[in-house]
N, C-alpha and C. Protein backbone atom coordinates (compact mmCIF):
# COMPACT_ATOMS: atom_id res chain seq x y z
N UNK A 1 78.68 86.60 73.00
CA UNK A 1 77.44 86.89 73.66
C UNK A 1 77.51 86.54 75.15
N UNK A 2 78.23 85.48 75.50
CA UNK A 2 78.32 85.05 76.90
C UNK A 2 79.16 86.00 77.73
N UNK A 3 79.97 86.81 77.08
CA UNK A 3 80.83 87.74 77.83
C UNK A 3 80.04 88.89 78.42
N UNK A 4 78.90 89.22 77.88
CA UNK A 4 78.11 90.35 78.39
C UNK A 4 77.71 90.20 79.86
N UNK A 5 77.14 89.06 80.29
CA UNK A 5 76.79 88.93 81.70
C UNK A 5 78.01 88.99 82.61
N UNK A 6 79.13 88.45 82.14
CA UNK A 6 80.36 88.50 82.94
C UNK A 6 80.83 89.93 83.08
N UNK A 7 80.81 90.69 81.99
CA UNK A 7 81.21 92.10 82.04
C UNK A 7 80.29 92.90 82.96
N UNK A 8 79.00 92.60 82.90
CA UNK A 8 78.04 93.29 83.76
C UNK A 8 78.30 92.97 85.22
N UNK A 9 78.55 91.72 85.52
CA UNK A 9 78.85 91.31 86.90
C UNK A 9 80.13 91.97 87.39
N UNK A 10 81.15 92.00 86.55
CA UNK A 10 82.41 92.65 86.94
C UNK A 10 82.18 94.13 87.19
N UNK A 11 81.39 94.78 86.34
CA UNK A 11 81.08 96.20 86.53
C UNK A 11 80.37 96.44 87.85
N UNK A 12 79.44 95.58 88.21
CA UNK A 12 78.72 95.73 89.48
C UNK A 12 79.68 95.59 90.65
N UNK A 13 80.56 94.60 90.59
CA UNK A 13 81.54 94.41 91.67
C UNK A 13 82.48 95.61 91.75
N UNK A 14 82.89 96.14 90.61
CA UNK A 14 83.76 97.33 90.59
C UNK A 14 83.06 98.52 91.23
N UNK A 15 81.79 98.70 90.91
CA UNK A 15 81.02 99.80 91.50
C UNK A 15 80.90 99.65 93.01
N UNK A 16 80.70 98.43 93.48
CA UNK A 16 80.60 98.18 94.92
C UNK A 16 81.93 98.49 95.60
N UNK A 17 83.04 98.10 94.98
CA UNK A 17 84.36 98.38 95.56
C UNK A 17 84.62 99.89 95.66
N UNK A 18 84.24 100.63 94.63
CA UNK A 18 84.42 102.09 94.67
C UNK A 18 83.53 102.69 95.75
N UNK A 19 82.30 102.22 95.87
CA UNK A 19 81.40 102.72 96.91
C UNK A 19 81.99 102.46 98.30
N UNK A 20 82.50 101.24 98.52
CA UNK A 20 83.10 100.92 99.82
C UNK A 20 84.32 101.79 100.09
N UNK A 21 85.11 102.06 99.07
CA UNK A 21 86.28 102.93 99.24
C UNK A 21 85.84 104.34 99.64
N UNK A 22 84.79 104.84 99.05
CA UNK A 22 84.28 106.18 99.39
C UNK A 22 83.79 106.20 100.83
N UNK A 23 83.11 105.16 101.26
CA UNK A 23 82.62 105.09 102.64
C UNK A 23 83.79 105.06 103.61
N UNK A 24 84.84 104.32 103.28
CA UNK A 24 86.01 104.25 104.17
C UNK A 24 86.74 105.60 104.19
N UNK A 25 86.79 106.31 103.08
CA UNK A 25 87.38 107.65 103.06
C UNK A 25 86.57 108.57 103.96
N UNK A 26 85.27 108.46 103.92
CA UNK A 26 84.42 109.25 104.82
C UNK A 26 84.76 108.94 106.27
N UNK A 27 84.98 107.67 106.58
CA UNK A 27 85.39 107.27 107.93
C UNK A 27 86.71 107.94 108.31
N UNK A 28 87.66 107.96 107.38
CA UNK A 28 88.97 108.56 107.65
C UNK A 28 88.81 110.03 108.00
N UNK A 29 88.00 110.74 107.24
CA UNK A 29 87.80 112.18 107.48
C UNK A 29 87.14 112.41 108.83
N UNK A 30 86.10 111.65 109.15
CA UNK A 30 85.39 111.82 110.42
C UNK A 30 86.32 111.51 111.59
N UNK A 31 87.09 110.44 111.46
CA UNK A 31 88.00 110.07 112.54
C UNK A 31 89.15 111.06 112.68
N UNK A 32 89.57 111.66 111.58
CA UNK A 32 90.67 112.63 111.60
C UNK A 32 90.32 113.85 112.45
N UNK A 33 89.08 114.29 112.33
CA UNK A 33 88.62 115.44 113.09
C UNK A 33 87.82 114.93 114.28
N UNK A 34 88.40 115.02 115.47
CA UNK A 34 87.79 114.50 116.67
C UNK A 34 86.41 115.08 116.96
N UNK A 35 86.19 116.35 116.58
CA UNK A 35 84.88 116.97 116.81
C UNK A 35 83.79 116.26 116.01
N UNK A 36 84.12 115.83 114.82
CA UNK A 36 83.14 115.09 114.02
C UNK A 36 82.91 113.69 114.60
N UNK A 37 84.00 113.06 115.03
CA UNK A 37 83.88 111.71 115.60
C UNK A 37 83.12 111.72 116.92
N UNK A 38 83.07 112.86 117.61
CA UNK A 38 82.38 112.95 118.89
C UNK A 38 80.87 113.13 118.73
N UNK A 39 80.43 113.51 117.54
CA UNK A 39 79.00 113.68 117.29
C UNK A 39 78.33 112.30 117.26
N UNK A 40 77.05 112.27 117.53
CA UNK A 40 76.31 110.99 117.53
C UNK A 40 76.38 110.32 116.16
N UNK A 41 76.19 111.08 115.09
CA UNK A 41 76.24 110.50 113.76
C UNK A 41 77.66 110.04 113.42
N UNK A 42 78.66 110.75 113.94
CA UNK A 42 80.05 110.36 113.70
C UNK A 42 80.39 109.05 114.39
N UNK A 43 79.95 108.91 115.65
CA UNK A 43 80.18 107.65 116.37
C UNK A 43 79.48 106.50 115.67
N UNK A 44 78.28 106.76 115.20
CA UNK A 44 77.55 105.70 114.52
C UNK A 44 78.22 105.34 113.19
N UNK A 45 78.71 106.32 112.45
CA UNK A 45 79.42 106.04 111.20
C UNK A 45 80.69 105.23 111.48
N UNK A 46 81.43 105.61 112.52
CA UNK A 46 82.65 104.88 112.86
C UNK A 46 82.32 103.45 113.27
N UNK A 47 81.22 103.27 113.98
CA UNK A 47 80.83 101.93 114.39
C UNK A 47 80.44 101.05 113.21
N UNK A 48 79.70 101.62 112.28
CA UNK A 48 79.23 100.86 111.12
C UNK A 48 80.39 100.52 110.18
N UNK A 49 81.31 101.45 110.01
CA UNK A 49 82.39 101.24 109.05
C UNK A 49 83.59 100.49 109.64
N UNK A 50 83.56 100.23 110.94
CA UNK A 50 84.68 99.52 111.57
C UNK A 50 84.90 98.16 110.92
N UNK A 51 83.83 97.49 110.54
CA UNK A 51 83.95 96.16 109.96
C UNK A 51 84.53 96.20 108.53
N UNK A 52 84.55 97.36 107.89
CA UNK A 52 85.08 97.46 106.54
C UNK A 52 86.60 97.59 106.51
N UNK A 53 87.19 97.99 107.65
CA UNK A 53 88.64 98.25 107.69
C UNK A 53 89.39 96.94 107.90
N UNK A 54 90.35 96.69 107.04
CA UNK A 54 91.19 95.49 107.15
C UNK A 54 92.13 95.69 108.34
N UNK A 55 92.20 94.73 109.26
CA UNK A 55 93.06 94.91 110.45
C UNK A 55 94.53 94.64 110.12
N UNK A 56 95.25 95.69 109.78
CA UNK A 56 96.67 95.57 109.46
C UNK A 56 97.54 95.56 110.71
N UNK A 57 96.98 95.98 111.85
CA UNK A 57 97.74 96.00 113.09
C UNK A 57 98.62 97.22 113.25
N UNK A 58 98.37 98.26 112.47
CA UNK A 58 99.16 99.50 112.56
C UNK A 58 98.37 100.50 113.39
N UNK A 59 99.05 101.09 114.36
CA UNK A 59 98.37 102.05 115.23
C UNK A 59 98.05 103.34 114.49
N UNK A 60 96.95 103.96 114.88
CA UNK A 60 96.56 105.25 114.31
C UNK A 60 97.48 106.34 114.84
N UNK A 61 97.58 107.42 114.08
CA UNK A 61 98.40 108.57 114.48
C UNK A 61 97.47 109.65 115.00
N UNK A 62 97.77 110.18 116.16
CA UNK A 62 96.96 111.27 116.73
C UNK A 62 97.11 112.52 115.88
N UNK A 63 96.02 113.25 115.72
CA UNK A 63 96.06 114.48 114.93
C UNK A 63 95.94 115.69 115.85
N UNK A 64 96.33 116.86 115.37
CA UNK A 64 96.18 118.07 116.19
C UNK A 64 94.72 118.51 116.31
N UNK A 65 93.81 117.77 115.71
CA UNK A 65 92.39 118.11 115.73
C UNK A 65 91.61 117.20 116.67
N UNK A 66 92.30 116.64 117.65
CA UNK A 66 91.71 115.74 118.66
C UNK A 66 91.14 114.47 118.05
N UNK A 67 91.69 114.07 116.92
CA UNK A 67 91.25 112.86 116.26
C UNK A 67 92.41 111.93 116.03
N UNK A 68 92.27 111.07 115.05
CA UNK A 68 93.32 110.11 114.72
C UNK A 68 93.31 109.85 113.21
N UNK A 69 94.50 109.65 112.67
CA UNK A 69 94.63 109.26 111.27
C UNK A 69 94.76 107.75 111.23
N UNK A 70 93.74 107.09 110.71
CA UNK A 70 93.67 105.63 110.70
C UNK A 70 94.43 105.09 109.49
N UNK A 71 95.64 104.61 109.74
CA UNK A 71 96.47 104.10 108.66
C UNK A 71 95.86 102.82 108.08
N UNK A 72 95.27 102.00 108.93
CA UNK A 72 94.62 100.78 108.45
C UNK A 72 93.49 101.08 107.47
N UNK A 73 92.72 102.11 107.76
CA UNK A 73 91.63 102.49 106.85
C UNK A 73 92.20 103.02 105.54
N UNK A 74 93.29 103.77 105.62
CA UNK A 74 93.91 104.29 104.40
C UNK A 74 94.44 103.15 103.53
N UNK A 75 95.06 102.16 104.16
CA UNK A 75 95.53 101.00 103.41
C UNK A 75 94.37 100.19 102.84
N UNK A 76 93.26 100.16 103.56
CA UNK A 76 92.07 99.48 103.07
C UNK A 76 91.56 100.13 101.79
N UNK A 77 91.57 101.47 101.76
CA UNK A 77 91.16 102.18 100.54
C UNK A 77 92.08 101.80 99.38
N UNK A 78 93.39 101.73 99.65
CA UNK A 78 94.32 101.33 98.59
C UNK A 78 94.04 99.92 98.09
N UNK A 79 93.73 99.01 99.00
CA UNK A 79 93.42 97.63 98.61
C UNK A 79 92.14 97.59 97.78
N UNK A 80 91.11 98.29 98.23
CA UNK A 80 89.84 98.30 97.51
C UNK A 80 90.00 98.87 96.10
N UNK A 81 90.72 99.98 95.99
CA UNK A 81 90.91 100.59 94.68
C UNK A 81 91.86 99.76 93.81
N UNK A 82 92.81 99.07 94.42
CA UNK A 82 93.67 98.17 93.67
C UNK A 82 92.89 97.00 93.10
N UNK A 83 91.98 96.45 93.89
CA UNK A 83 91.11 95.38 93.40
C UNK A 83 90.22 95.87 92.27
N UNK A 84 89.70 97.08 92.42
CA UNK A 84 88.84 97.66 91.39
C UNK A 84 89.62 97.84 90.09
N UNK A 85 90.86 98.29 90.20
CA UNK A 85 91.71 98.48 89.04
C UNK A 85 91.98 97.13 88.35
N UNK A 86 92.30 96.10 89.16
CA UNK A 86 92.57 94.78 88.60
C UNK A 86 91.33 94.22 87.88
N UNK A 87 90.16 94.42 88.49
CA UNK A 87 88.93 93.98 87.84
C UNK A 87 88.69 94.75 86.53
N UNK A 88 89.11 96.01 86.50
CA UNK A 88 88.99 96.78 85.27
C UNK A 88 89.83 96.19 84.16
N UNK A 89 91.02 95.69 84.52
CA UNK A 89 91.87 95.02 83.53
C UNK A 89 91.20 93.75 83.03
N UNK A 90 90.62 93.00 83.95
CA UNK A 90 89.92 91.76 83.57
C UNK A 90 88.72 92.09 82.68
N UNK A 91 88.00 93.13 83.04
CA UNK A 91 86.80 93.50 82.28
C UNK A 91 87.17 93.89 80.84
N UNK A 92 88.26 94.61 80.69
CA UNK A 92 88.67 95.02 79.35
C UNK A 92 89.12 93.85 78.48
N UNK A 93 89.58 92.77 79.15
CA UNK A 93 90.04 91.62 78.37
C UNK A 93 88.90 90.65 78.02
N UNK A 94 87.71 90.87 78.60
CA UNK A 94 86.60 89.97 78.27
C UNK A 94 85.77 90.50 77.13
C-alpha cells in the first residue's frame, strides 16, 4: 500500500522530465532556424529556456538557415530522457 504514493510521485517526476525535454526540443528547432529565433516570440522562448540547458561548454554549430544547432541543448534532452528512463526502471521495481 505504501508503494502507491511513491509510484505516483515517480510518475509525476517522469512527466515533468518529458515535458522539459519537449520544451528543450522546441528550443532546438527555433534556434536551428534563424528566422524563427529572430521573431519576438522566438527570442522570448530562447530566453526562457536558456536556464534549462546544461552548460556542457560545447559550441553551437552554425546552420545554413541563419541559425545554430545547440549541441548542449541536444545533450540536455538526452540527459532528461535518460533520467526519465531510469526513473521508469525504478517505478517498475516498486
